[in-house]
Amino acid sequence: MMSAKAVRPGAKPAPPSETSLDLRALQRTPGFMLRLAQLKFFEGFYEEFAALGLTPATYAILAIIRDNPGVPPSSLASVLRLRLPNLIKILNELESTGFIKRSRSKSDRRAVELMLTPRGAKLIQDGARLTEPYNRKMLVPLTEAEQRTLLELLNRILPL
């Protein structure tokens, strides 16, 4: 007796849906799970911070400049794991929109230092105000103690 859903001869079976895939091996792979977590956080970030026009990269850049006035672009590229040409493109945009300024170092005239403008300081302040509620929302499956443990473990894996 044939099932109600007859498959015509030669037809390919339907691909398995996401919910029916066996992902147990990948769920035991830290790199895979970290990548999926990153994607989830970035998707949420774009939704929450869209009104400010911040991306994860621009938020990180502005926060580092805020906390390290005069930081050189090479240090920024290194800590954010960005190629310098890619960072320079972002910095050009942030400068042309009035969020940062570049200046020559007084101690080494060849070096460039990055500073926030008042407009950039306000933008990162507005972004920082959204950060705590955003993180709380994204980490809701974890208790506060688990959230602290997660950050401790990530900081141990990724000492900056």
N, C-alpha and C. Protein backbone atom coordinates (compact mmCIF):
# COMPACT_ATOMS: atom_id res chain seq x y z
N MET A 1 0.84 -1.17 0.00
CA MET A 1 0.00 0.00 0.00
C MET A 1 0.89 1.24 0.00
N MET A 2 0.52 2.20 -0.81
CA MET A 2 1.30 3.41 -0.95
C MET A 2 0.83 4.46 0.05
N SER A 3 1.77 5.32 0.49
CA SER A 3 1.40 6.38 1.42
C SER A 3 0.58 7.43 0.69
N ALA A 4 -0.05 8.30 1.46
CA ALA A 4 -0.89 9.34 0.88
C ALA A 4 -0.06 10.29 -0.01
N LYS A 5 1.22 10.46 0.32
CA LYS A 5 2.07 11.33 -0.48
C LYS A 5 2.91 10.46 -1.41
N ALA A 6 2.39 10.18 -2.56
CA ALA A 6 3.12 9.36 -3.53
C ALA A 6 4.23 10.19 -4.15
N VAL A 7 5.38 9.56 -4.30
CA VAL A 7 6.51 10.22 -4.93
C VAL A 7 6.63 9.64 -6.33
N ARG A 8 6.69 10.55 -7.29
CA ARG A 8 6.77 10.04 -8.65
C ARG A 8 8.15 9.41 -8.88
N PRO A 9 8.23 8.42 -9.73
CA PRO A 9 9.51 7.74 -9.97
C PRO A 9 10.58 8.74 -10.44
N GLY A 10 11.77 8.62 -9.89
CA GLY A 10 12.88 9.47 -10.28
C GLY A 10 12.92 10.79 -9.54
N ALA A 11 11.89 11.11 -8.77
CA ALA A 11 11.87 12.39 -8.04
C ALA A 11 12.82 12.31 -6.85
N LYS A 12 13.44 13.43 -6.55
CA LYS A 12 14.35 13.48 -5.40
C LYS A 12 13.52 13.63 -4.14
N PRO A 13 13.96 13.00 -3.05
CA PRO A 13 13.24 13.20 -1.80
C PRO A 13 13.39 14.65 -1.34
N ALA A 14 12.42 15.13 -0.61
CA ALA A 14 12.48 16.52 -0.12
C ALA A 14 13.69 16.68 0.78
N PRO A 15 14.39 17.80 0.68
CA PRO A 15 15.54 18.01 1.56
C PRO A 15 15.07 18.10 3.01
N PRO A 16 15.90 17.64 3.94
CA PRO A 16 15.47 17.71 5.34
C PRO A 16 15.33 19.17 5.77
N SER A 17 14.38 19.43 6.63
CA SER A 17 14.21 20.80 7.12
C SER A 17 15.25 21.07 8.19
N GLU A 18 15.43 22.35 8.51
CA GLU A 18 16.43 22.71 9.53
C GLU A 18 16.16 22.00 10.85
N THR A 19 14.89 21.84 11.19
CA THR A 19 14.56 21.24 12.49
C THR A 19 14.80 19.74 12.52
N SER A 20 14.90 19.11 11.36
CA SER A 20 15.11 17.66 11.35
C SER A 20 16.58 17.28 11.16
N LEU A 21 17.45 18.26 10.97
CA LEU A 21 18.87 17.97 10.77
C LEU A 21 19.51 17.57 12.10
N ASP A 22 20.40 16.60 12.04
CA ASP A 22 21.15 16.19 13.23
C ASP A 22 22.40 17.06 13.32
N LEU A 23 22.42 17.97 14.28
CA LEU A 23 23.53 18.90 14.44
C LEU A 23 24.33 18.65 15.72
N ARG A 24 24.13 17.49 16.33
CA ARG A 24 24.79 17.22 17.61
C ARG A 24 26.31 17.35 17.53
N ALA A 25 26.92 16.88 16.46
CA ALA A 25 28.37 16.98 16.34
C ALA A 25 28.82 18.43 16.30
N LEU A 26 28.09 19.25 15.54
CA LEU A 26 28.45 20.67 15.45
C LEU A 26 28.16 21.40 16.76
N GLN A 27 27.13 20.96 17.49
CA GLN A 27 26.81 21.59 18.77
C GLN A 27 27.89 21.34 19.82
N ARG A 28 28.76 20.38 19.56
CA ARG A 28 29.90 20.11 20.45
C ARG A 28 31.17 20.78 19.92
N THR A 29 31.03 21.64 18.91
CA THR A 29 32.17 22.31 18.30
C THR A 29 32.14 23.79 18.68
N PRO A 30 33.04 24.22 19.58
CA PRO A 30 32.99 25.61 20.05
C PRO A 30 33.03 26.64 18.92
N GLY A 31 33.86 26.44 17.92
CA GLY A 31 33.97 27.42 16.84
C GLY A 31 32.66 27.60 16.10
N PHE A 32 31.97 26.50 15.83
CA PHE A 32 30.69 26.57 15.12
C PHE A 32 29.66 27.30 15.98
N MET A 33 29.59 26.96 17.25
CA MET A 33 28.61 27.57 18.14
C MET A 33 28.91 29.05 18.38
N LEU A 34 30.21 29.39 18.49
CA LEU A 34 30.57 30.80 18.64
C LEU A 34 30.18 31.59 17.40
N ARG A 35 30.36 31.00 16.23
CA ARG A 35 30.00 31.68 14.98
C ARG A 35 28.50 31.91 14.91
N LEU A 36 27.71 30.90 15.28
CA LEU A 36 26.25 31.09 15.27
C LEU A 36 25.83 32.14 16.30
N ALA A 37 26.47 32.12 17.46
CA ALA A 37 26.17 33.13 18.48
C ALA A 37 26.51 34.53 17.96
N GLN A 38 27.66 34.66 17.28
CA GLN A 38 28.05 35.95 16.72
C GLN A 38 26.99 36.43 15.72
N LEU A 39 26.55 35.54 14.85
CA LEU A 39 25.54 35.92 13.86
C LEU A 39 24.25 36.36 14.54
N LYS A 40 23.84 35.63 15.58
CA LYS A 40 22.62 35.98 16.31
C LYS A 40 22.78 37.37 16.94
N PHE A 41 23.93 37.63 17.56
CA PHE A 41 24.16 38.92 18.20
C PHE A 41 24.23 40.04 17.17
N PHE A 42 24.87 39.79 16.04
CA PHE A 42 24.95 40.83 15.00
C PHE A 42 23.57 41.15 14.43
N GLU A 43 22.76 40.12 14.17
CA GLU A 43 21.41 40.35 13.65
C GLU A 43 20.62 41.22 14.63
N GLY A 44 20.70 40.87 15.92
CA GLY A 44 20.02 41.65 16.94
C GLY A 44 20.57 43.06 17.04
N PHE A 45 21.88 43.20 16.90
CA PHE A 45 22.52 44.50 16.98
C PHE A 45 21.99 45.42 15.89
N TYR A 46 21.95 44.90 14.65
CA TYR A 46 21.47 45.72 13.54
C TYR A 46 20.05 46.21 13.79
N GLU A 47 19.21 45.38 14.40
CA GLU A 47 17.84 45.78 14.70
C GLU A 47 17.80 46.86 15.78
N GLU A 48 18.51 46.63 16.88
CA GLU A 48 18.45 47.52 18.04
C GLU A 48 19.15 48.86 17.81
N PHE A 49 20.23 48.85 17.05
CA PHE A 49 21.05 50.05 16.91
C PHE A 49 20.86 50.74 15.56
N ALA A 50 19.94 50.23 14.74
CA ALA A 50 19.73 50.78 13.40
C ALA A 50 19.37 52.25 13.42
N ALA A 51 18.55 52.66 14.37
CA ALA A 51 18.11 54.06 14.42
C ALA A 51 19.29 55.01 14.61
N LEU A 52 20.34 54.53 15.27
CA LEU A 52 21.53 55.36 15.48
C LEU A 52 22.49 55.29 14.29
N GLY A 53 22.29 54.32 13.41
CA GLY A 53 23.20 54.15 12.28
C GLY A 53 24.50 53.47 12.65
N LEU A 54 24.50 52.80 13.80
CA LEU A 54 25.71 52.10 14.24
C LEU A 54 25.72 50.66 13.76
N THR A 55 26.88 50.20 13.36
CA THR A 55 27.11 48.79 13.05
C THR A 55 27.98 48.23 14.18
N PRO A 56 28.10 46.91 14.28
CA PRO A 56 29.01 46.38 15.31
C PRO A 56 30.42 46.95 15.18
N ALA A 57 30.90 47.11 13.95
CA ALA A 57 32.27 47.63 13.75
C ALA A 57 32.38 49.09 14.17
N THR A 58 31.42 49.93 13.74
CA THR A 58 31.52 51.35 14.10
C THR A 58 31.33 51.56 15.60
N TYR A 59 30.47 50.76 16.22
CA TYR A 59 30.29 50.84 17.67
C TYR A 59 31.62 50.53 18.37
N ALA A 60 32.25 49.43 17.96
CA ALA A 60 33.52 49.02 18.59
C ALA A 60 34.59 50.08 18.38
N ILE A 61 34.68 50.62 17.17
CA ILE A 61 35.68 51.63 16.87
C ILE A 61 35.47 52.87 17.74
N LEU A 62 34.24 53.35 17.80
CA LEU A 62 33.96 54.55 18.58
C LEU A 62 34.19 54.30 20.08
N ALA A 63 33.83 53.12 20.56
CA ALA A 63 34.03 52.81 21.99
C ALA A 63 35.52 52.76 22.32
N ILE A 64 36.31 52.18 21.44
CA ILE A 64 37.76 52.10 21.70
C ILE A 64 38.38 53.49 21.67
N ILE A 65 37.98 54.32 20.70
CA ILE A 65 38.52 55.68 20.64
C ILE A 65 38.08 56.47 21.88
N ARG A 66 36.82 56.29 22.30
CA ARG A 66 36.34 56.98 23.51
C ARG A 66 37.20 56.62 24.72
N ASP A 67 37.49 55.32 24.85
CA ASP A 67 38.21 54.83 26.03
C ASP A 67 39.72 54.97 25.91
N ASN A 68 40.21 55.27 24.70
CA ASN A 68 41.65 55.39 24.44
C ASN A 68 41.92 56.57 23.51
N PRO A 69 41.64 57.79 23.96
CA PRO A 69 41.83 58.95 23.08
C PRO A 69 43.26 58.98 22.53
N GLY A 70 43.37 59.22 21.23
CA GLY A 70 44.67 59.28 20.60
C GLY A 70 45.17 57.94 20.09
N VAL A 71 44.33 56.91 20.16
CA VAL A 71 44.74 55.58 19.70
C VAL A 71 45.12 55.65 18.22
N PRO A 72 46.23 54.99 17.83
CA PRO A 72 46.58 54.98 16.40
C PRO A 72 45.74 53.94 15.64
N PRO A 73 45.48 54.20 14.38
CA PRO A 73 44.69 53.25 13.57
C PRO A 73 45.27 51.84 13.58
N SER A 74 46.59 51.69 13.60
CA SER A 74 47.18 50.35 13.56
C SER A 74 46.81 49.54 14.81
N SER A 75 46.74 50.19 15.97
CA SER A 75 46.33 49.49 17.20
C SER A 75 44.87 49.09 17.13
N LEU A 76 44.06 49.98 16.59
CA LEU A 76 42.64 49.70 16.42
C LEU A 76 42.44 48.50 15.49
N ALA A 77 43.14 48.48 14.37
CA ALA A 77 43.03 47.37 13.41
C ALA A 77 43.46 46.06 14.07
N SER A 78 44.51 46.12 14.85
CA SER A 78 45.03 44.91 15.49
C SER A 78 44.03 44.33 16.49
N VAL A 79 43.50 45.15 17.37
CA VAL A 79 42.60 44.65 18.40
C VAL A 79 41.26 44.19 17.81
N LEU A 80 40.81 44.84 16.75
CA LEU A 80 39.53 44.46 16.12
C LEU A 80 39.70 43.40 15.03
N ARG A 81 40.94 42.99 14.79
CA ARG A 81 41.23 41.97 13.77
C ARG A 81 40.71 42.41 12.40
N LEU A 82 40.91 43.70 12.10
CA LEU A 82 40.52 44.24 10.80
C LEU A 82 41.78 44.50 9.99
N ARG A 83 41.69 44.29 8.68
CA ARG A 83 42.79 44.68 7.82
C ARG A 83 42.82 46.20 7.78
N LEU A 84 44.02 46.77 7.83
CA LEU A 84 44.16 48.22 7.90
C LEU A 84 43.42 48.94 6.76
N PRO A 85 43.48 48.47 5.50
CA PRO A 85 42.72 49.17 4.45
C PRO A 85 41.21 49.19 4.72
N ASN A 86 40.67 48.10 5.28
CA ASN A 86 39.24 48.06 5.60
C ASN A 86 38.92 49.05 6.73
N LEU A 87 39.80 49.10 7.73
CA LEU A 87 39.59 50.05 8.83
C LEU A 87 39.67 51.49 8.32
N ILE A 88 40.64 51.77 7.46
CA ILE A 88 40.82 53.14 6.94
C ILE A 88 39.56 53.59 6.22
N LYS A 89 38.94 52.69 5.48
CA LYS A 89 37.69 53.02 4.79
C LYS A 89 36.61 53.44 5.79
N ILE A 90 36.47 52.69 6.88
CA ILE A 90 35.49 53.02 7.92
C ILE A 90 35.85 54.34 8.59
N LEU A 91 37.15 54.53 8.90
CA LEU A 91 37.59 55.77 9.54
C LEU A 91 37.32 56.97 8.64
N ASN A 92 37.55 56.81 7.34
CA ASN A 92 37.26 57.91 6.40
C ASN A 92 35.79 58.32 6.48
N GLU A 93 34.91 57.32 6.53
CA GLU A 93 33.48 57.59 6.61
C GLU A 93 33.13 58.26 7.94
N LEU A 94 33.70 57.76 9.04
CA LEU A 94 33.42 58.35 10.36
C LEU A 94 33.95 59.78 10.43
N GLU A 95 35.07 60.04 9.77
CA GLU A 95 35.62 61.40 9.77
C GLU A 95 34.77 62.32 8.89
N SER A 96 34.38 61.84 7.72
CA SER A 96 33.61 62.71 6.80
C SER A 96 32.22 63.02 7.35
N THR A 97 31.69 62.16 8.22
CA THR A 97 30.38 62.42 8.83
C THR A 97 30.52 63.14 10.17
N GLY A 98 31.75 63.48 10.55
CA GLY A 98 31.96 64.32 11.71
C GLY A 98 31.98 63.62 13.06
N PHE A 99 32.22 62.29 13.08
CA PHE A 99 32.22 61.56 14.35
C PHE A 99 33.62 61.43 14.97
N ILE A 100 34.65 61.44 14.12
CA ILE A 100 36.02 61.35 14.63
C ILE A 100 36.87 62.39 13.93
N LYS A 101 38.04 62.64 14.51
CA LYS A 101 39.03 63.48 13.82
C LYS A 101 40.38 62.79 13.95
N ARG A 102 41.18 62.98 12.92
CA ARG A 102 42.54 62.46 12.93
C ARG A 102 43.47 63.65 13.16
N SER A 103 44.53 63.41 13.90
CA SER A 103 45.54 64.45 14.05
C SER A 103 46.91 63.81 14.13
N ARG A 104 47.91 64.59 13.82
CA ARG A 104 49.29 64.11 13.91
C ARG A 104 49.71 64.09 15.37
N SER A 105 50.42 63.04 15.73
CA SER A 105 50.94 62.93 17.08
C SER A 105 51.97 64.03 17.32
N LYS A 106 51.91 64.63 18.49
CA LYS A 106 52.89 65.68 18.82
C LYS A 106 54.27 65.05 19.09
N SER A 107 54.26 63.79 19.57
CA SER A 107 55.54 63.15 19.88
C SER A 107 56.18 62.49 18.66
N ASP A 108 55.35 62.07 17.69
CA ASP A 108 55.87 61.43 16.47
C ASP A 108 55.04 61.95 15.30
N ARG A 109 55.57 62.92 14.59
CA ARG A 109 54.82 63.59 13.51
C ARG A 109 54.37 62.63 12.41
N ARG A 110 54.96 61.43 12.33
CA ARG A 110 54.53 60.45 11.32
C ARG A 110 53.27 59.72 11.75
N ALA A 111 53.02 59.66 13.06
CA ALA A 111 51.90 58.88 13.59
C ALA A 111 50.60 59.69 13.57
N VAL A 112 49.51 58.96 13.38
CA VAL A 112 48.17 59.56 13.39
C VAL A 112 47.47 59.12 14.67
N GLU A 113 46.77 60.05 15.30
CA GLU A 113 45.98 59.75 16.49
C GLU A 113 44.50 59.98 16.18
N LEU A 114 43.66 59.15 16.77
CA LEU A 114 42.22 59.25 16.55
C LEU A 114 41.54 59.80 17.80
N MET A 115 40.64 60.73 17.59
CA MET A 115 39.87 61.33 18.69
C MET A 115 38.40 61.41 18.27
N LEU A 116 37.51 61.34 19.25
CA LEU A 116 36.09 61.57 18.98
C LEU A 116 35.83 63.06 18.90
N THR A 117 34.91 63.43 18.04
CA THR A 117 34.41 64.79 18.05
C THR A 117 33.26 64.82 19.07
N PRO A 118 32.76 65.99 19.43
CA PRO A 118 31.59 66.02 20.32
C PRO A 118 30.42 65.22 19.74
N ARG A 119 30.26 65.28 18.44
CA ARG A 119 29.19 64.51 17.78
C ARG A 119 29.42 63.00 17.92
N GLY A 120 30.67 62.57 17.78
CA GLY A 120 31.01 61.16 17.95
C GLY A 120 30.84 60.71 19.40
N ALA A 121 31.19 61.60 20.34
CA ALA A 121 31.03 61.28 21.76
C ALA A 121 29.55 61.10 22.09
N LYS A 122 28.68 61.93 21.50
CA LYS A 122 27.25 61.78 21.75
C LYS A 122 26.72 60.49 21.14
N LEU A 123 27.18 60.16 19.94
CA LEU A 123 26.72 58.93 19.28
C LEU A 123 27.09 57.70 20.11
N ILE A 124 28.32 57.61 20.58
CA ILE A 124 28.72 56.43 21.34
C ILE A 124 28.03 56.43 22.71
N GLN A 125 27.75 57.60 23.26
CA GLN A 125 27.00 57.68 24.52
C GLN A 125 25.57 57.15 24.31
N ASP A 126 24.94 57.54 23.21
CA ASP A 126 23.60 57.04 22.89
C ASP A 126 23.63 55.53 22.65
N GLY A 127 24.66 55.06 21.96
CA GLY A 127 24.80 53.62 21.73
C GLY A 127 25.04 52.86 23.02
N ALA A 128 25.86 53.43 23.89
CA ALA A 128 26.16 52.77 25.17
C ALA A 128 24.90 52.64 26.01
N ARG A 129 23.99 53.59 25.90
CA ARG A 129 22.72 53.53 26.64
C ARG A 129 21.88 52.33 26.21
N LEU A 130 22.00 51.93 24.95
CA LEU A 130 21.24 50.77 24.44
C LEU A 130 21.92 49.44 24.76
N THR A 131 23.20 49.49 25.11
CA THR A 131 23.98 48.26 25.23
C THR A 131 23.49 47.33 26.32
N GLU A 132 23.29 47.84 27.52
CA GLU A 132 22.87 46.97 28.63
C GLU A 132 21.53 46.30 28.37
N PRO A 133 20.49 47.08 27.99
CA PRO A 133 19.20 46.41 27.69
C PRO A 133 19.32 45.41 26.54
N TYR A 134 20.13 45.73 25.53
CA TYR A 134 20.33 44.81 24.41
C TYR A 134 20.99 43.52 24.88
N ASN A 135 22.05 43.63 25.67
CA ASN A 135 22.72 42.43 26.17
C ASN A 135 21.79 41.60 27.05
N ARG A 136 21.01 42.27 27.89
CA ARG A 136 20.06 41.55 28.75
C ARG A 136 19.08 40.76 27.89
N LYS A 137 18.56 41.39 26.85
CA LYS A 137 17.60 40.74 25.95
C LYS A 137 18.23 39.53 25.25
N MET A 138 19.46 39.70 24.78
CA MET A 138 20.11 38.62 24.03
C MET A 138 20.52 37.46 24.93
N LEU A 139 20.77 37.74 26.19
CA LEU A 139 21.24 36.70 27.12
C LEU A 139 20.14 36.20 28.04
N VAL A 140 18.89 36.49 27.72
CA VAL A 140 17.77 36.12 28.58
C VAL A 140 17.72 34.62 28.93
N PRO A 141 18.18 33.71 28.08
CA PRO A 141 18.14 32.28 28.48
C PRO A 141 19.10 31.96 29.64
N LEU A 142 20.02 32.87 29.96
CA LEU A 142 21.01 32.61 31.00
C LEU A 142 20.68 33.39 32.27
N THR A 143 21.00 32.81 33.42
CA THR A 143 20.87 33.55 34.67
C THR A 143 21.96 34.62 34.70
N GLU A 144 21.85 35.55 35.64
CA GLU A 144 22.89 36.59 35.76
C GLU A 144 24.25 35.96 36.05
N ALA A 145 24.27 34.94 36.90
CA ALA A 145 25.54 34.26 37.22
C ALA A 145 26.10 33.58 35.97
N GLU A 146 25.24 32.95 35.17
CA GLU A 146 25.70 32.31 33.93
C GLU A 146 26.21 33.35 32.94
N GLN A 147 25.58 34.51 32.90
CA GLN A 147 26.03 35.57 32.01
C GLN A 147 27.43 36.03 32.41
N ARG A 148 27.65 36.21 33.71
CA ARG A 148 28.99 36.60 34.18
C ARG A 148 30.01 35.51 33.85
N THR A 149 29.62 34.24 34.05
CA THR A 149 30.52 33.12 33.75
C THR A 149 30.84 33.08 32.26
N LEU A 150 29.83 33.29 31.42
CA LEU A 150 30.06 33.29 29.97
C LEU A 150 31.10 34.35 29.61
N LEU A 151 30.95 35.55 30.12
CA LEU A 151 31.91 36.62 29.81
C LEU A 151 33.30 36.29 30.36
N GLU A 152 33.35 35.73 31.56
CA GLU A 152 34.65 35.33 32.13
C GLU A 152 35.33 34.30 31.25
N LEU A 153 34.59 33.30 30.79
CA LEU A 153 35.16 32.25 29.95
C LEU A 153 35.59 32.81 28.60
N LEU A 154 34.78 33.65 27.98
CA LEU A 154 35.16 34.24 26.70
C LEU A 154 36.39 35.10 26.85
N ASN A 155 36.49 35.85 27.95
CA ASN A 155 37.68 36.68 28.17
C ASN A 155 38.92 35.84 28.46
N ARG A 156 38.72 34.64 28.99
CA ARG A 156 39.85 33.75 29.20
C ARG A 156 40.35 33.17 27.87
N ILE A 157 39.40 32.85 26.99
CA ILE A 157 39.75 32.32 25.66
C ILE A 157 40.37 33.41 24.81
N LEU A 158 39.87 34.64 24.95
CA LEU A 158 40.28 35.76 24.10
C LEU A 158 40.89 36.87 24.93
N PRO A 159 42.04 36.64 25.52
CA PRO A 159 42.62 37.73 26.33
C PRO A 159 43.00 38.89 25.41
N LEU A 160 42.50 40.06 25.75
CA LEU A 160 42.79 41.25 24.93
C LEU A 160 43.81 42.13 25.61
